[in-house]
Amino acid sequence: MKPVPHLLDIAPLRLELLERLIERGFFFKRIAREAPERLKSPLCTGKRLVLLFFEPSTRTRTSFSLAAKQLGFDLQTLEPGSMSLVKGEKLIENFLNLGKLGFDVAVVRHPSSGALHFLSRHIGVSLVNAGDGCHAHPSQALLDMMTIKERFGELKGLRVGIVGDVAKSRVARSDIHALRKFGATVSLIGPPHFVPDTLEGPGVRVSHGLDGLIKGLDVLVMLRIQTERAAYDPLLSLSWYREAYAITLERFSSLPDHAIVLHPGPVSLGIEMDEEVLKLDRCLSYTQVENGVFARMAVLEWAMEGRGRCC
């Protein structure tokens, strides 16, 4: 089987490739404003792309769909319930069939960590990881880096705090890899069962308190607290979490005047962030949504460019 490019994780990617993808995202953003008719890419026009989400998604799925359409892909969306998996067919057999049907790229979200790495060893369709279990969400990290770079010009030397259930967050894992590659320092912040000390490493520190660090941060990344866990997690008190870690207006005022707040969404208002903060100019959650389309356009175009070299 001839090799094809996959975007599975941030960890193995070179800094040069991350920079290239981000700059291409900025290119698409600029063209979208100046001459949107030029967004279609000759590498992608008429090629076949399938979206396959085994978990619910609004932002990521819609973002990839818009990205694919603007690049000129022939887009197909498959619902897992309509696939032969419900008849007992194995996951890998489904994906082998996608290749036989002529798809060039598959954008996949799956609840099992590592599922896409397994599939990538067996199929000839380029895979783009739209989130796998607690493992990785590489396109989210790219749009986050794009949003930070758009505000600060560069990421090297920035002090970034990531707040929430880091241990179970694929967004946090991908962001940490990207931030370290760009030379930022990272503080992981949350209660011990969300942020165990074992997550500490080169360029990454663990803290169980936010108020002592917030004055020294340039970027604050808030993670969604899975409120559905509250029913069965004896350590999760939503009112206590809000008191200790939520970004209220008062806590936001402790940030430096230049600092920004990011959130991958959806936001649990009143738990990790107050609605008044979400509306502030330095809370860039909606900018992340906008940049997500352009970052994902860069990823999909890169996948097709790589197929041309490999195949």
C-alpha atoms as a PDB file:
ATOM      1  CA  MET A   1       0.000   0.000   0.000  1.00  0.00           C
ATOM      2  CA  LYS A   2       1.345   3.404  -0.979  1.00  0.00           C
ATOM      3  CA  PRO A   3       1.711   5.832   1.937  1.00  0.00           C
ATOM      4  CA  VAL A   4      -0.808   8.630   2.323  1.00  0.00           C
ATOM      5  CA  PRO A   5      -0.652  11.595   4.719  1.00  0.00           C
ATOM      6  CA  HIS A   6      -2.642  11.550   7.939  1.00  0.00           C
ATOM      7  CA  LEU A   7      -3.188  14.227  10.577  1.00  0.00           C
ATOM      8  CA  LEU A   8      -3.563  12.130  13.716  1.00  0.00           C
ATOM      9  CA  ASP A   9      -1.774  14.084  16.442  1.00  0.00           C
ATOM     10  CA  ILE A  10       0.295  17.216  17.028  1.00  0.00           C
ATOM     11  CA  ALA A  11       3.111  15.417  18.852  1.00  0.00           C
ATOM     12  CA  PRO A  12       4.996  14.004  15.815  1.00  0.00           C
ATOM     13  CA  LEU A  13       4.671  17.127  13.645  1.00  0.00           C
ATOM     14  CA  ARG A  14       7.631  19.396  13.001  1.00  0.00           C
ATOM     15  CA  LEU A  15       7.382  23.038  14.038  1.00  0.00           C
ATOM     16  CA  GLU A  16       7.940  24.036  10.410  1.00  0.00           C
ATOM     17  CA  LEU A  17       4.793  22.184   9.348  1.00  0.00           C
ATOM     18  CA  LEU A  18       2.719  23.744  12.135  1.00  0.00           C
ATOM     19  CA  GLU A  19       3.906  27.195  11.103  1.00  0.00           C
ATOM     20  CA  ARG A  20       3.128  26.470   7.470  1.00  0.00           C
ATOM     21  CA  LEU A  21      -0.401  25.276   8.243  1.00  0.00           C
ATOM     22  CA  ILE A  22      -1.097  28.314  10.413  1.00  0.00           C
ATOM     23  CA  GLU A  23       0.183  30.717   7.762  1.00  0.00           C
ATOM     24  CA  ARG A  24      -1.955  28.955   5.162  1.00  0.00           C
ATOM     25  CA  GLY A  25      -4.914  29.413   7.493  1.00  0.00           C
ATOM     26  CA  PHE A  26      -4.212  33.152   7.593  1.00  0.00           C
ATOM     27  CA  PHE A  27      -4.020  33.130   3.793  1.00  0.00           C
ATOM     28  CA  PHE A  28      -7.465  31.573   3.516  1.00  0.00           C
ATOM     29  CA  LYS A  29      -8.861  34.019   6.065  1.00  0.00           C
ATOM     30  CA  ARG A  30      -7.536  36.957   4.064  1.00  0.00           C
ATOM     31  CA  ILE A  31      -8.843  35.578   0.739  1.00  0.00           C
ATOM     32  CA  ALA A  32     -12.262  34.927   2.295  1.00  0.00           C
ATOM     33  CA  ARG A  33     -12.540  38.657   2.995  1.00  0.00           C
ATOM     34  CA  GLU A  34     -10.998  39.952  -0.222  1.00  0.00           C
ATOM     35  CA  ALA A  35     -11.985  37.479  -2.945  1.00  0.00           C
ATOM     36  CA  PRO A  36     -13.993  34.502  -1.641  1.00  0.00           C
ATOM     37  CA  GLU A  37     -14.377  33.106  -5.155  1.00  0.00           C
ATOM     38  CA  ARG A  38     -10.666  32.253  -5.029  1.00  0.00           C
ATOM     39  CA  LEU A  39     -10.968  29.940  -2.016  1.00  0.00           C
ATOM     40  CA  LYS A  40     -11.330  26.788  -4.093  1.00  0.00           C
ATOM     41  CA  SER A  41      -8.083  24.877  -4.324  1.00  0.00           C
ATOM     42  CA  PRO A  42      -7.098  22.990  -7.493  1.00  0.00           C
ATOM     43  CA  LEU A  43      -5.713  20.275  -5.228  1.00  0.00           C
ATOM     44  CA  CYS A  44      -9.151  19.693  -3.694  1.00  0.00           C
ATOM     45  CA  THR A  45     -11.723  20.576  -6.353  1.00  0.00           C
ATOM     46  CA  GLY A  46     -13.653  17.478  -7.346  1.00  0.00           C
ATOM     47  CA  LYS A  47     -11.893  15.255  -4.813  1.00  0.00           C
ATOM     48  CA  ARG A  48     -14.001  13.159  -2.466  1.00  0.00           C
ATOM     49  CA  LEU A  49     -14.138  13.764   1.287  1.00  0.00           C
ATOM     50  CA  VAL A  50     -16.271  12.012   3.891  1.00  0.00           C
ATOM     51  CA  LEU A  51     -17.205  13.235   7.367  1.00  0.00           C
ATOM     52  CA  LEU A  52     -17.731  10.414   9.856  1.00  0.00           C
ATOM     53  CA  PHE A  53     -18.474  11.393  13.455  1.00  0.00           C
ATOM     54  CA  PHE A  54     -19.076   8.625  15.985  1.00  0.00           C
ATOM     55  CA  GLU A  55     -19.634  11.260  18.699  1.00  0.00           C
ATOM     56  CA  PRO A  56     -21.886  14.333  18.700  1.00  0.00           C
ATOM     57  CA  SER A  57     -20.301  17.518  17.390  1.00  0.00           C
ATOM     58  CA  THR A  58     -21.475  20.936  16.335  1.00  0.00           C
ATOM     59  CA  ARG A  59     -18.476  23.251  15.956  1.00  0.00           C
ATOM     60  CA  THR A  60     -15.902  20.798  14.647  1.00  0.00           C
ATOM     61  CA  ARG A  61     -18.257  19.019  12.264  1.00  0.00           C
ATOM     62  CA  THR A  62     -19.717  22.230  10.848  1.00  0.00           C
ATOM     63  CA  SER A  63     -16.265  23.771  10.587  1.00  0.00           C
ATOM     64  CA  PHE A  64     -14.851  20.848   8.589  1.00  0.00           C
ATOM     65  CA  SER A  65     -17.948  20.798   6.396  1.00  0.00           C
ATOM     66  CA  LEU A  66     -17.578  24.494   5.535  1.00  0.00           C
ATOM     67  CA  ALA A  67     -13.841  24.076   4.993  1.00  0.00           C
ATOM     68  CA  ALA A  68     -14.370  21.175   2.593  1.00  0.00           C
ATOM     69  CA  LYS A  69     -17.080  22.962   0.606  1.00  0.00           C
ATOM     70  CA  GLN A  70     -15.060  26.167   0.268  1.00  0.00           C
ATOM     71  CA  LEU A  71     -12.053  24.199  -1.015  1.00  0.00           C
ATOM     72  CA  GLY A  72     -14.213  22.499  -3.640  1.00  0.00           C
ATOM     73  CA  PHE A  73     -14.395  18.964  -2.254  1.00  0.00           C
ATOM     74  CA  ASP A  74     -17.213  16.630  -3.189  1.00  0.00           C
ATOM     75  CA  LEU A  75     -18.503  16.231   0.367  1.00  0.00           C
ATOM     76  CA  GLN A  76     -20.313  13.220   1.778  1.00  0.00           C
ATOM     77  CA  THR A  77     -21.514  12.869   5.366  1.00  0.00           C
ATOM     78  CA  LEU A  78     -22.099   9.395   6.776  1.00  0.00           C
ATOM     79  CA  GLU A  79     -23.986   8.683   9.974  1.00  0.00           C
ATOM     80  CA  PRO A  80     -22.565   5.791  12.037  1.00  0.00           C
ATOM     81  CA  GLY A  81     -26.073   4.441  12.550  1.00  0.00           C
ATOM     82  CA  SER A  82     -26.451   3.997   8.803  1.00  0.00           C
ATOM     83  CA  MET A  83     -23.233   2.004   8.436  1.00  0.00           C
ATOM     84  CA  SER A  84     -22.861  -1.761   8.529  1.00  0.00           C
ATOM     85  CA  LEU A  85     -21.315  -1.492  11.981  1.00  0.00           C
ATOM     86  CA  VAL A  86     -24.841  -1.975  13.299  1.00  0.00           C
ATOM     87  CA  LYS A  87     -24.915  -5.271  11.379  1.00  0.00           C
ATOM     88  CA  GLY A  88     -21.699  -6.484  12.976  1.00  0.00           C
ATOM     89  CA  GLU A  89     -19.178  -5.359  10.367  1.00  0.00           C
ATOM     90  CA  LYS A  90     -15.817  -4.375  11.839  1.00  0.00           C
ATOM     91  CA  LEU A  91     -14.707  -0.751  11.853  1.00  0.00           C
ATOM     92  CA  ILE A  92     -11.691  -1.457   9.660  1.00  0.00           C
ATOM     93  CA  GLU A  93     -13.885  -3.148   7.031  1.00  0.00           C
ATOM     94  CA  ASN A  94     -15.986  -0.007   6.799  1.00  0.00           C
ATOM     95  CA  PHE A  95     -12.929   2.122   6.190  1.00  0.00           C
ATOM     96  CA  LEU A  96     -11.473  -0.269   3.632  1.00  0.00           C
ATOM     97  CA  ASN A  97     -14.759   0.108   1.783  1.00  0.00           C
ATOM     98  CA  LEU A  98     -14.421   3.910   1.892  1.00  0.00           C
ATOM     99  CA  GLY A  99     -11.163   3.577  -0.013  1.00  0.00           C
ATOM    100  CA  LYS A 100     -12.749   1.293  -2.587  1.00  0.00           C
ATOM    101  CA  LEU A 101     -15.544   3.831  -3.039  1.00  0.00           C
ATOM    102  CA  GLY A 102     -12.981   6.421  -4.100  1.00  0.00           C
ATOM    103  CA  PHE A 103     -12.810   8.720  -1.091  1.00  0.00           C
ATOM    104  CA  ASP A 104      -9.558  10.643  -0.812  1.00  0.00           C
ATOM    105  CA  VAL A 105      -9.915  12.032   2.731  1.00  0.00           C
ATOM    106  CA  ALA A 106     -11.911  10.970   5.783  1.00  0.00           C
ATOM    107  CA  VAL A 107     -12.472  13.348   8.701  1.00  0.00           C
ATOM    108  CA  VAL A 108     -13.241  11.151  11.683  1.00  0.00           C
ATOM    109  CA  ARG A 109     -14.241  11.633  15.318  1.00  0.00           C
ATOM    110  CA  HIS A 110     -14.212   8.489  17.447  1.00  0.00           C
ATOM    111  CA  PRO A 111     -14.726   7.858  21.180  1.00  0.00           C
ATOM    112  CA  SER A 112     -11.784   5.432  21.455  1.00  0.00           C
ATOM    113  CA  SER A 113      -8.318   6.894  22.014  1.00  0.00           C
ATOM    114  CA  GLY A 114      -5.949   5.661  19.321  1.00  0.00           C
ATOM    115  CA  ALA A 115      -8.654   4.408  16.947  1.00  0.00           C
ATOM    116  CA  LEU A 116      -7.375   6.509  14.069  1.00  0.00           C
ATOM    117  CA  HIS A 117      -3.770   5.436  14.596  1.00  0.00           C
ATOM    118  CA  PHE A 118      -4.938   1.847  14.222  1.00  0.00           C
ATOM    119  CA  LEU A 119      -6.941   2.602  11.082  1.00  0.00           C
ATOM    120  CA  SER A 120      -4.106   4.585   9.497  1.00  0.00           C
ATOM    121  CA  ARG A 121      -1.948   1.451   9.329  1.00  0.00           C
ATOM    122  CA  HIS A 122      -4.457  -0.402   7.213  1.00  0.00           C
ATOM    123  CA  ILE A 123      -6.228   1.920   4.786  1.00  0.00           C
ATOM    124  CA  GLY A 124      -5.372   4.122   1.819  1.00  0.00           C
ATOM    125  CA  VAL A 125      -7.668   7.029   2.699  1.00  0.00           C
ATOM    126  CA  SER A 126      -6.029  10.078   4.284  1.00  0.00           C
ATOM    127  CA  LEU A 127      -7.349  10.390   7.836  1.00  0.00           C
ATOM    128  CA  VAL A 128      -7.868  13.672   9.667  1.00  0.00           C
ATOM    129  CA  ASN A 129      -8.453  13.243  13.380  1.00  0.00           C
ATOM    130  CA  ALA A 130     -11.425  15.336  14.529  1.00  0.00           C
ATOM    131  CA  GLY A 131     -10.990  14.075  18.095  1.00  0.00           C
ATOM    132  CA  ASP A 132     -10.332  10.559  19.417  1.00  0.00           C
ATOM    133  CA  GLY A 133     -11.285   9.749  22.996  1.00  0.00           C
ATOM    134  CA  CYS A 134      -9.090  11.590  25.484  1.00  0.00           C
ATOM    135  CA  HIS A 135      -6.094  11.427  23.167  1.00  0.00           C
ATOM    136  CA  ALA A 136      -5.864  14.209  20.582  1.00  0.00           C
ATOM    137  CA  HIS A 137      -7.684  16.986  18.730  1.00  0.00           C
ATOM    138  CA  PRO A 138      -4.986  18.329  16.385  1.00  0.00           C
ATOM    139  CA  SER A 139      -7.079  20.736  14.309  1.00  0.00           C
ATOM    140  CA  GLN A 140      -8.337  22.394  17.505  1.00  0.00           C
ATOM    141  CA  ALA A 141      -4.733  22.982  18.562  1.00  0.00           C
ATOM    142  CA  LEU A 142      -3.955  24.520  15.171  1.00  0.00           C
ATOM    143  CA  LEU A 143      -6.848  26.954  15.355  1.00  0.00           C
ATOM    144  CA  ASP A 144      -5.926  27.802  18.944  1.00  0.00           C
ATOM    145  CA  MET A 145      -2.325  28.555  17.919  1.00  0.00           C
ATOM    146  CA  MET A 146      -3.631  30.580  14.982  1.00  0.00           C
ATOM    147  CA  THR A 147      -5.847  32.629  17.308  1.00  0.00           C
ATOM    148  CA  ILE A 148      -3.011  33.280  19.760  1.00  0.00           C
ATOM    149  CA  LYS A 149      -0.562  34.167  16.989  1.00  0.00           C
ATOM    150  CA  GLU A 150      -3.087  36.527  15.444  1.00  0.00           C
ATOM    151  CA  ARG A 151      -3.216  38.465  18.705  1.00  0.00           C
ATOM    152  CA  PHE A 152       0.437  38.365  19.811  1.00  0.00           C
ATOM    153  CA  GLY A 153       2.396  37.890  16.580  1.00  0.00           C
ATOM    154  CA  GLU A 154       4.295  34.937  17.993  1.00  0.00           C
ATOM    155  CA  LEU A 155       3.939  32.304  20.681  1.00  0.00           C
ATOM    156  CA  LYS A 156       7.507  31.962  21.903  1.00  0.00           C
ATOM    157  CA  GLY A 157       7.841  33.076  25.503  1.00  0.00           C
ATOM    158  CA  LEU A 158       4.113  33.373  26.155  1.00  0.00           C
ATOM    159  CA  ARG A 159       2.764  32.120  29.486  1.00  0.00           C
ATOM    160  CA  VAL A 160      -0.325  30.002  28.936  1.00  0.00           C
ATOM    161  CA  GLY A 161      -2.644  28.582  31.585  1.00  0.00           C
ATOM    162  CA  ILE A 162      -4.955  25.664  30.772  1.00  0.00           C
ATOM    163  CA  VAL A 163      -7.757  25.290  33.322  1.00  0.00           C
ATOM    164  CA  GLY A 164     -10.060  22.338  33.846  1.00  0.00           C
ATOM    165  CA  ASP A 165     -10.205  18.574  33.442  1.00  0.00           C
ATOM    166  CA  VAL A 166      -6.839  18.317  31.720  1.00  0.00           C
ATOM    167  CA  ALA A 167      -6.451  14.601  32.397  1.00  0.00           C
ATOM    168  CA  LYS A 168      -9.414  13.751  30.170  1.00  0.00           C
ATOM    169  CA  SER A 169      -9.055  16.557  27.635  1.00  0.00           C
ATOM    170  CA  ARG A 170      -7.881  15.808  24.093  1.00  0.00           C
ATOM    171  CA  VAL A 171      -7.873  19.560  23.456  1.00  0.00           C
ATOM    172  CA  ALA A 172      -5.444  20.126  26.334  1.00  0.00           C
ATOM    173  CA  ARG A 173      -3.108  17.363  25.172  1.00  0.00           C
ATOM    174  CA  SER A 174      -2.898  18.729  21.644  1.00  0.00           C
ATOM    175  CA  ASP A 175      -2.544  22.321  22.853  1.00  0.00           C
ATOM    176  CA  ILE A 176       0.287  21.338  25.214  1.00  0.00           C
ATOM    177  CA  HIS A 177       2.250  19.675  22.393  1.00  0.00           C
ATOM    178  CA  ALA A 178       1.759  22.670  20.097  1.00  0.00           C
ATOM    179  CA  LEU A 179       2.562  25.296  22.728  1.00  0.00           C
ATOM    180  CA  ARG A 180       5.784  23.539  23.724  1.00  0.00           C
ATOM    181  CA  LYS A 181       6.893  23.311  20.080  1.00  0.00           C
ATOM    182  CA  PHE A 182       6.357  27.063  19.707  1.00  0.00           C
ATOM    183  CA  GLY A 183       8.315  27.846  22.869  1.00  0.00           C
ATOM    184  CA  ALA A 184       5.488  28.853  25.188  1.00  0.00           C
ATOM    185  CA  THR A 185       5.433  27.821  28.838  1.00  0.00           C
ATOM    186  CA  VAL A 186       2.342  26.030  30.083  1.00  0.00           C
ATOM    187  CA  SER A 187       0.632  25.901  33.472  1.00  0.00           C
ATOM    188  CA  LEU A 188      -1.992  23.193  33.942  1.00  0.00           C
ATOM    189  CA  ILE A 189      -4.517  24.325  36.529  1.00  0.00           C
ATOM    190  CA  GLY A 190      -7.283  22.477  38.323  1.00  0.00           C
ATOM    191  CA  PRO A 191      -8.080  20.208  41.253  1.00  0.00           C
ATOM    192  CA  PRO A 192      -5.772  17.195  41.737  1.00  0.00           C
ATOM    193  CA  HIS A 193      -8.181  14.669  40.197  1.00  0.00           C
ATOM    194  CA  PHE A 194      -8.398  16.874  37.089  1.00  0.00           C
ATOM    195  CA  VAL A 195      -4.705  17.813  36.961  1.00  0.00           C
ATOM    196  CA  PRO A 196      -2.507  15.134  38.553  1.00  0.00           C
ATOM    197  CA  ASP A 197       1.115  16.000  39.270  1.00  0.00           C
ATOM    198  CA  THR A 198       2.210  13.309  36.788  1.00  0.00           C
ATOM    199  CA  LEU A 199       1.303  15.712  33.943  1.00  0.00           C
ATOM    200  CA  GLU A 200       4.209  17.974  34.855  1.00  0.00           C
ATOM    201  CA  GLY A 201       7.226  17.915  32.544  1.00  0.00           C
ATOM    202  CA  PRO A 202       9.663  20.116  30.597  1.00  0.00           C
ATOM    203  CA  GLY A 203       7.965  23.447  29.961  1.00  0.00           C
ATOM    204  CA  VAL A 204       4.820  22.277  31.763  1.00  0.00           C
ATOM    205  CA  ARG A 205       3.984  22.910  35.399  1.00  0.00           C
ATOM    206  CA  VAL A 206       1.020  21.793  37.457  1.00  0.00           C
ATOM    207  CA  SER A 207      -0.891  24.036  39.846  1.00  0.00           C
ATOM    208  CA  HIS A 208      -4.005  23.326  41.865  1.00  0.00           C
ATOM    209  CA  GLY A 209      -4.789  27.003  42.401  1.00  0.00           C
ATOM    210  CA  LEU A 210      -5.679  29.630  39.788  1.00  0.00           C
ATOM    211  CA  ASP A 211      -5.669  32.887  41.718  1.00  0.00           C
ATOM    212  CA  GLY A 212      -1.958  32.733  42.512  1.00  0.00           C
ATOM    213  CA  LEU A 213      -1.034  32.421  38.813  1.00  0.00           C
ATOM    214  CA  ILE A 214      -3.591  34.447  36.924  1.00  0.00           C
ATOM    215  CA  LYS A 215      -1.731  37.770  37.175  1.00  0.00           C
ATOM    216  CA  GLY A 216       1.216  36.308  35.294  1.00  0.00           C
ATOM    217  CA  LEU A 217      -0.599  34.755  32.331  1.00  0.00           C
ATOM    218  CA  ASP A 218      -0.779  35.958  28.741  1.00  0.00           C
ATOM    219  CA  VAL A 219      -3.330  33.369  27.629  1.00  0.00           C
ATOM    220  CA  LEU A 220      -5.950  31.519  29.630  1.00  0.00           C
ATOM    221  CA  VAL A 221      -7.478  28.430  27.997  1.00  0.00           C
ATOM    222  CA  MET A 222     -10.654  27.284  29.731  1.00  0.00           C
ATOM    223  CA  LEU A 223     -11.805  23.703  29.220  1.00  0.00           C
ATOM    224  CA  ARG A 224     -15.402  22.556  29.299  1.00  0.00           C
ATOM    225  CA  ILE A 225     -16.324  20.909  32.557  1.00  0.00           C
ATOM    226  CA  GLN A 226     -18.315  17.798  31.774  1.00  0.00           C
ATOM    227  CA  THR A 227     -21.346  18.561  33.907  1.00  0.00           C
ATOM    228  CA  GLU A 228     -22.676  15.096  33.133  1.00  0.00           C
ATOM    229  CA  ARG A 229     -19.913  13.786  35.402  1.00  0.00           C
ATOM    230  CA  ALA A 230     -21.355  15.539  38.440  1.00  0.00           C
ATOM    231  CA  ALA A 231     -23.964  12.822  38.914  1.00  0.00           C
ATOM    232  CA  TYR A 232     -21.400  10.100  39.497  1.00  0.00           C
ATOM    233  CA  ASP A 233     -18.144  11.857  40.404  1.00  0.00           C
ATOM    234  CA  PRO A 234     -18.010  12.239  44.202  1.00  0.00           C
ATOM    235  CA  LEU A 235     -15.113  14.692  43.848  1.00  0.00           C
ATOM    236  CA  LEU A 236     -16.922  17.049  41.487  1.00  0.00           C
ATOM    237  CA  SER A 237     -18.948  19.789  43.145  1.00  0.00           C
ATOM    238  CA  LEU A 238     -19.949  22.310  40.512  1.00  0.00           C
ATOM    239  CA  SER A 239     -20.477  25.088  43.028  1.00  0.00           C
ATOM    240  CA  TRP A 240     -17.058  24.445  44.561  1.00  0.00           C
ATOM    241  CA  TYR A 241     -15.436  24.298  41.116  1.00  0.00           C
ATOM    242  CA  ARG A 242     -16.989  27.617  40.180  1.00  0.00           C
ATOM    243  CA  GLU A 243     -15.726  29.210  43.364  1.00  0.00           C
ATOM    244  CA  ALA A 244     -12.163  28.008  42.795  1.00  0.00           C
ATOM    245  CA  TYR A 245     -11.709  28.124  39.010  1.00  0.00           C
ATOM    246  CA  ALA A 246     -14.505  29.893  37.092  1.00  0.00           C
ATOM    247  CA  ILE A 247     -13.615  33.026  35.134  1.00  0.00           C
ATOM    248  CA  THR A 248     -15.895  35.610  36.660  1.00  0.00           C
ATOM    249  CA  LEU A 249     -15.598  39.310  35.896  1.00  0.00           C
ATOM    250  CA  GLU A 250     -13.711  39.744  39.146  1.00  0.00           C
ATOM    251  CA  ARG A 251     -11.216  37.017  38.293  1.00  0.00           C
ATOM    252  CA  PHE A 252     -10.901  38.284  34.719  1.00  0.00           C
ATOM    253  CA  SER A 253      -9.889  41.693  36.087  1.00  0.00           C
ATOM    254  CA  SER A 254      -6.853  40.029  37.671  1.00  0.00           C
ATOM    255  CA  LEU A 255      -5.455  39.106  34.260  1.00  0.00           C
ATOM    256  CA  PRO A 256      -2.896  41.454  32.686  1.00  0.00           C
ATOM    257  CA  ASP A 257      -4.478  44.044  30.393  1.00  0.00           C
ATOM    258  CA  HIS A 258      -3.099  42.326  27.279  1.00  0.00           C
ATOM    259  CA  ALA A 259      -4.169  38.788  28.230  1.00  0.00           C
ATOM    260  CA  ILE A 260      -6.777  36.807  26.281  1.00  0.00           C
ATOM    261  CA  VAL A 261      -9.162  33.993  27.183  1.00  0.00           C
ATOM    262  CA  LEU A 262      -9.866  31.022  24.915  1.00  0.00           C
ATOM    263  CA  HIS A 263     -12.471  28.286  25.172  1.00  0.00           C
ATOM    264  CA  PRO A 264     -12.951  25.419  22.685  1.00  0.00           C
ATOM    265  CA  GLY A 265     -16.685  25.291  23.431  1.00  0.00           C
ATOM    266  CA  PRO A 266     -19.333  24.551  24.261  1.00  0.00           C
ATOM    267  CA  VAL A 267     -19.141  26.872  27.255  1.00  0.00           C
ATOM    268  CA  SER A 268     -20.902  25.829  30.454  1.00  0.00           C
ATOM    269  CA  LEU A 269     -21.965  29.311  31.483  1.00  0.00           C
ATOM    270  CA  GLY A 270     -21.890  29.915  35.198  1.00  0.00           C
ATOM    271  CA  ILE A 271     -19.572  26.982  35.823  1.00  0.00           C
ATOM    272  CA  GLU A 272     -16.256  27.565  34.042  1.00  0.00           C
ATOM    273  CA  MET A 273     -17.067  31.019  32.683  1.00  0.00           C
ATOM    274  CA  ASP A 274     -19.657  33.733  33.253  1.00  0.00           C
ATOM    275  CA  GLU A 275     -21.703  35.060  30.351  1.00  0.00           C
ATOM    276  CA  GLU A 276     -20.383  38.591  30.922  1.00  0.00           C
ATOM    277  CA  VAL A 277     -16.823  37.340  30.335  1.00  0.00           C
ATOM    278  CA  LEU A 278     -17.797  35.519  27.142  1.00  0.00           C
ATOM    279  CA  LYS A 279     -18.963  38.858  25.696  1.00  0.00           C
ATOM    280  CA  LEU A 280     -15.700  40.701  26.386  1.00  0.00           C
ATOM    281  CA  ASP A 281     -13.371  41.691  23.531  1.00  0.00           C
ATOM    282  CA  ARG A 282     -10.486  39.745  25.050  1.00  0.00           C
ATOM    283  CA  CYS A 283     -12.492  36.531  25.235  1.00  0.00           C
ATOM    284  CA  LEU A 284     -11.831  35.054  21.786  1.00  0.00           C
ATOM    285  CA  SER A 285     -14.091  32.010  21.780  1.00  0.00           C
ATOM    286  CA  TYR A 286     -15.981  33.244  18.718  1.00  0.00           C
ATOM    287  CA  THR A 287     -12.728  34.121  16.953  1.00  0.00           C
ATOM    288  CA  GLN A 288     -11.653  30.516  17.537  1.00  0.00           C
ATOM    289  CA  VAL A 289     -14.809  29.351  15.763  1.00  0.00           C
ATOM    290  CA  GLU A 290     -14.082  31.637  12.805  1.00  0.00           C
ATOM    291  CA  ASN A 291     -10.422  30.612  12.618  1.00  0.00           C
ATOM    292  CA  GLY A 292     -11.406  26.956  12.833  1.00  0.00           C
ATOM    293  CA  VAL A 293     -12.748  26.974   9.286  1.00  0.00           C
ATOM    294  CA  PHE A 294      -9.530  28.421   7.866  1.00  0.00           C
ATOM    295  CA  ALA A 295      -7.193  26.231   9.911  1.00  0.00           C
ATOM    296  CA  ARG A 296      -9.135  23.169   8.748  1.00  0.00           C
ATOM    297  CA  MET A 297      -8.998  24.354   5.147  1.00  0.00           C
ATOM    298  CA  ALA A 298      -5.214  24.394   5.511  1.00  0.00           C
ATOM    299  CA  VAL A 299      -5.242  20.861   6.934  1.00  0.00           C
ATOM    300  CA  LEU A 300      -7.450  19.426   4.194  1.00  0.00           C
ATOM    301  CA  GLU A 301      -5.437  21.063   1.432  1.00  0.00           C
ATOM    302  CA  TRP A 302      -2.230  19.733   3.009  1.00  0.00           C
ATOM    303  CA  ALA A 303      -3.693  16.223   3.022  1.00  0.00           C
ATOM    304  CA  MET A 304      -4.399  16.428  -0.707  1.00  0.00           C
ATOM    305  CA  GLU A 305      -0.994  17.911  -1.447  1.00  0.00           C
ATOM    306  CA  GLY A 306       0.600  15.030   0.426  1.00  0.00           C
ATOM    307  CA  ARG A 307      -1.453  12.493  -1.522  1.00  0.00           C
ATOM    308  CA  GLY A 308      -0.062  13.979  -4.707  1.00  0.00           C
ATOM    309  CA  ARG A 309       3.506  13.461  -3.503  1.00  0.00           C
ATOM    310  CA  CYS A 310       2.942   9.998  -2.074  1.00  0.00           C
ATOM    311  CA  CYS A 311       0.760   8.549  -4.779  1.00  0.00           C
END
